Protein backbone atom coordinates (compact mmCIF):
# COMPACT_ATOMS: atom_id res chain seq x y z
CA MET A 1 -0.01 -0.12 0.31
CA ASN A 2 1.27 3.59 -0.83
CA ARG A 3 2.00 5.98 2.25
CA ASN A 4 -0.56 8.56 0.55
CA ASP A 5 -3.17 5.96 0.71
CA GLU A 6 -3.48 4.73 4.42
CA HIS A 7 -5.35 6.79 6.74
CA ASP A 8 -3.38 7.11 10.11
CA ASP A 9 -6.21 7.71 12.89
CA LYS A 10 -3.59 9.52 14.86
CA ASP A 11 -3.54 12.09 11.97
CA ALA A 12 -7.57 12.51 11.32
CA VAL A 13 -8.46 15.62 12.67
CA TYR A 14 -11.33 15.76 14.29
CA VAL A 15 -14.39 18.94 14.63
CA GLN A 16 -16.53 19.88 18.11
CA PRO A 17 -20.13 19.96 16.67
CA ASN A 18 -21.13 23.49 16.89
CA ILE A 19 -24.04 22.35 20.20
CA GLU A 20 -24.03 24.75 22.85
CA HIS A 21 -26.42 22.29 25.76
CA GLU A 22 -26.60 25.11 27.58
CA LEU A 23 -26.66 28.42 26.51
CA SER A 24 -24.74 31.56 28.59
CA LYS A 25 -26.79 34.62 29.80
CA GLU A 26 -25.59 36.78 27.45
CA LYS A 27 -26.60 34.12 24.46
CA ARG A 28 -30.09 33.65 25.51
CA GLN A 29 -30.37 37.71 25.51
CA GLU A 30 -29.13 37.69 21.61
CA CYS A 31 -31.94 34.93 21.21
CA ARG A 32 -34.44 37.21 22.60
CA ASP A 33 -33.23 40.43 20.52
CA ILE A 34 -33.57 38.04 17.72
CA LEU A 35 -36.75 37.18 18.16
CA LEU A 36 -38.35 40.76 19.33
CA GLU A 37 -36.18 41.87 15.60
CA ILE A 38 -38.62 39.00 14.18
CA ARG A 39 -41.89 40.48 15.96
CA ASN A 40 -41.23 44.18 14.83
CA PHE A 41 -41.98 42.75 11.62
CA GLY A 42 -45.56 42.54 12.06
CA VAL A 43 -45.55 38.53 11.76
CA ASN A 44 -48.74 36.35 12.06
CA GLN A 45 -49.01 32.40 13.86
CA ARG A 46 -48.34 30.84 10.59
CA GLN A 47 -45.32 33.03 9.47
CA ILE A 48 -44.14 31.84 12.88
CA LEU A 49 -45.00 28.62 12.39
CA PHE A 50 -43.19 28.94 8.70
CA LEU A 51 -40.03 30.57 10.26
CA ILE A 52 -39.77 28.02 13.31
CA GLN A 53 -39.60 25.39 10.30
CA LEU A 54 -37.01 27.19 8.09
CA LEU A 55 -34.58 27.66 11.43
CA ALA A 56 -35.18 23.58 12.05
CA MET A 57 -34.04 23.53 8.67
CA GLU A 58 -31.02 24.63 9.98
CA LEU A 59 -30.20 22.30 12.92
CA GLU A 60 -27.32 19.63 12.40
CA ASN A 61 -28.99 16.86 14.21
CA ARG A 62 -31.00 15.55 11.71
CA ASP A 63 -33.75 13.54 14.14
CA VAL A 64 -34.74 16.68 15.71
CA MET A 65 -35.03 18.71 12.54
CA GLN A 66 -37.11 16.02 10.98
CA ALA A 67 -39.47 16.03 14.37
CA ILE A 68 -39.84 19.52 14.92
CA THR A 69 -40.46 19.49 10.57
CA LYS A 70 -42.95 17.05 11.30
CA THR A 71 -44.88 18.40 13.93
CA ILE A 72 -45.28 21.95 12.15
CA GLY A 73 -46.53 20.11 9.04
CA GLU A 74 -48.81 18.43 11.28
CA HIS A 75 -50.31 20.62 13.02
CA ARG A 76 -49.90 23.86 10.77
CA LYS A 77 -53.26 24.00 9.40
CA GLU A 78 -55.08 24.18 12.33
CA VAL A 79 -53.26 27.50 13.34
CA PRO A 80 -55.35 30.27 12.13
CA LEU A 81 -53.99 33.23 9.44
CA ALA A 82 -55.02 36.13 12.09
CA PRO A 83 -57.05 35.85 15.46
CA LYS A 84 -60.93 36.08 15.57
CA ILE A 85 -61.84 39.32 17.45
CA ALA A 86 -64.51 39.77 19.74
CA LEU A 87 -66.28 43.21 17.93
CA PRO A 88 -69.12 44.45 20.77
CA GLU A 89 -72.92 44.55 19.02
CA GLY A 90 -73.78 47.63 17.36
CA MET A 91 -70.36 48.10 15.95
CA GLU A 92 -70.03 48.97 12.21
CA VAL A 93 -67.48 46.95 10.59
CA SER A 94 -67.17 47.85 6.65
CA GLY A 95 -70.25 49.35 6.53
CA LYS A 96 -72.20 46.67 8.29
CA SER A 97 -73.69 46.52 11.58
CA VAL A 98 -72.58 43.71 13.84
CA LYS A 99 -75.40 41.81 14.94
CA LYS A 100 -75.69 39.44 17.46
CA LYS A 101 -74.92 35.67 17.09
CA LEU A 102 -78.10 33.76 18.27
CA SER A 103 -76.70 30.48 20.05
CA LYS A 104 -78.38 27.16 18.91
CA GLY A 105 -80.65 25.69 21.15
């Protein structure tokens, strides 16, 4: 065998994955600052889920990435585009008066 074809473990280069199991106080604050910046864009609930999915796809751990994206895929359509707002009776919206909804019974 040629010396160049041989791979000796003592010459191998090992790389530590870019994973922090516990974030420092400063790193956690950076995460909160990033979140605040995202919220300042005025994103809705489905956009937040999509952002989580995109961030999950950046994870180095494939199993965790798949678990997060699978969960989001299963539940994303259950999340409304916008929250429902209760309006007082008699208030006008787009020229129409809001009437009290009759209960079934």
